[in-house]
Amino acid sequence: MLPILLIVWLLCAFMGAYVAQCKGRVGMEGAVFGFALGPIGILIEALMPSVARAQPSSSEPEKKPDVARPKPLVSKDDVAMDFVMDMVKQGEKKNRSIRIEEP
């Protein structure tokens, strides 16, 4: 009987922690209520008001962690320039008056 009672109380502690975290509260608070009071502790934790989580203010941009990213083999400018040069070459075939010297 004692092992079953212990398992039930541990399950109540985990459920209390889960309910507390879902409501934005500290999980340990819910675990203590659930373990100490069992199902009544879970009910108490469920009836407690939710806590508003801190939202980043819109005026401050989010800071992204500095992560070393590999540099691309080809930059966007190179790709754009290649595209422009291809368009110019196609235009030269249609109209011989366009002259661009390639480096």
Protein backbone atom coordinates (compact mmCIF):
# COMPACT_ATOMS: atom_id res chain seq x y z
CA MET A 1 0.00 0.00 0.00
CA LEU A 2 2.83 2.39 0.82
CA PRO A 3 4.52 2.12 -2.63
CA ILE A 4 1.23 2.88 -4.38
CA LEU A 5 0.64 5.89 -2.13
CA LEU A 6 4.16 7.16 -2.81
CA ILE A 7 3.67 6.76 -6.58
CA VAL A 8 0.36 8.66 -6.44
CA TRP A 9 1.94 11.49 -4.43
CA LEU A 10 4.89 11.73 -6.84
CA LEU A 11 2.48 11.84 -9.79
CA CYS A 12 0.58 14.62 -8.03
CA ALA A 13 3.85 16.52 -7.58
CA PHE A 14 4.68 16.20 -11.29
CA MET A 15 1.15 17.18 -12.30
CA GLY A 16 1.25 20.17 -9.94
CA ALA A 17 4.56 21.29 -11.47
CA TYR A 18 3.12 20.92 -14.98
CA VAL A 19 0.01 22.95 -14.13
CA ALA A 20 2.14 25.66 -12.50
CA GLN A 21 4.42 25.96 -15.53
CA CYS A 22 1.45 26.12 -17.90
CA LYS A 23 0.09 29.05 -15.87
CA GLY A 24 3.45 30.85 -15.97
CA ARG A 25 4.28 30.10 -12.35
CA VAL A 26 7.33 28.41 -10.86
CA GLY A 27 7.17 24.64 -11.31
CA MET A 28 8.60 23.94 -7.86
CA GLU A 29 5.63 25.73 -6.30
CA GLY A 30 3.23 23.36 -8.03
CA ALA A 31 5.36 20.35 -7.15
CA VAL A 32 5.31 21.25 -3.46
CA PHE A 33 1.54 21.80 -3.47
CA GLY A 34 0.98 18.56 -5.39
CA PHE A 35 3.28 16.50 -3.19
CA ALA A 36 2.09 17.96 0.11
CA LEU A 37 -1.64 18.04 -0.60
CA GLY A 38 -2.05 15.49 -3.39
CA PRO A 39 -4.97 16.05 -5.76
CA ILE A 40 -6.16 18.99 -3.65
CA GLY A 41 -2.78 20.68 -4.24
CA ILE A 42 -3.20 20.24 -8.00
CA LEU A 43 -6.65 21.81 -7.75
CA ILE A 44 -5.30 24.71 -5.69
CA GLU A 45 -2.52 25.29 -8.24
CA ALA A 46 -5.03 25.16 -11.11
CA LEU A 47 -7.24 27.77 -9.40
CA MET A 48 -4.37 30.18 -8.72
CA PRO A 49 -4.16 33.12 -11.15
CA SER A 50 -1.81 32.99 -14.10
CA VAL A 51 1.32 35.11 -14.03
CA ALA A 52 2.00 37.30 -17.06
CA ARG A 53 5.33 36.43 -18.61
CA ALA A 54 7.72 39.24 -19.42
CA GLN A 55 7.41 40.20 -23.08
CA PRO A 56 10.30 41.99 -24.79
CA SER A 57 9.38 45.60 -25.43
CA SER A 58 8.82 46.51 -29.06
CA SER A 59 11.15 49.53 -28.82
CA GLU A 60 14.16 47.36 -28.01
CA PRO A 61 15.20 44.93 -30.75
CA GLU A 62 15.84 41.38 -29.73
CA LYS A 63 19.50 40.62 -29.24
CA LYS A 64 20.61 37.62 -31.21
CA PRO A 65 23.51 35.59 -29.90
CA ASP A 66 26.81 36.10 -31.68
CA VAL A 67 27.30 32.96 -33.68
CA ALA A 68 30.22 32.50 -35.99
CA ARG A 69 28.67 31.85 -39.39
CA PRO A 70 30.70 30.77 -42.37
CA LYS A 71 31.05 33.32 -45.11
CA PRO A 72 29.32 32.38 -48.35
CA LEU A 73 31.54 31.37 -51.23
CA VAL A 74 29.74 33.81 -53.50
CA SER A 75 28.31 37.08 -52.22
CA LYS A 76 24.91 38.41 -53.21
CA ASP A 77 26.59 41.22 -55.14
CA ASP A 78 28.51 38.71 -57.25
CA VAL A 79 25.33 36.81 -58.07
CA ALA A 80 23.52 40.05 -58.98
CA MET A 81 26.43 41.18 -61.15
CA ASP A 82 26.51 37.83 -62.95
CA PHE A 83 22.79 38.13 -63.60
CA VAL A 84 23.20 41.66 -64.99
CA MET A 85 26.12 40.60 -67.18
CA ASP A 86 24.09 37.68 -68.55
CA MET A 87 21.23 40.04 -69.36
CA VAL A 88 23.62 42.44 -71.10
CA LYS A 89 25.13 39.61 -73.13
CA GLN A 90 21.67 38.51 -74.19
CA GLY A 91 20.92 42.13 -75.14
CA GLU A 92 24.14 42.31 -77.19
CA LYS A 93 22.98 39.37 -79.24
CA LYS A 94 19.74 41.20 -80.00
CA ASN A 95 21.15 44.71 -80.25
CA ARG A 96 24.79 45.13 -81.24
CA SER A 97 24.91 48.76 -80.00
CA ILE A 98 25.38 47.79 -76.30
CA ARG A 99 29.06 47.61 -75.36
CA ILE A 100 30.30 46.70 -71.88
CA GLU A 101 33.85 45.78 -71.13
CA GLU A 102 34.35 42.90 -68.75
CA PRO A 103 37.18 43.13 -66.23
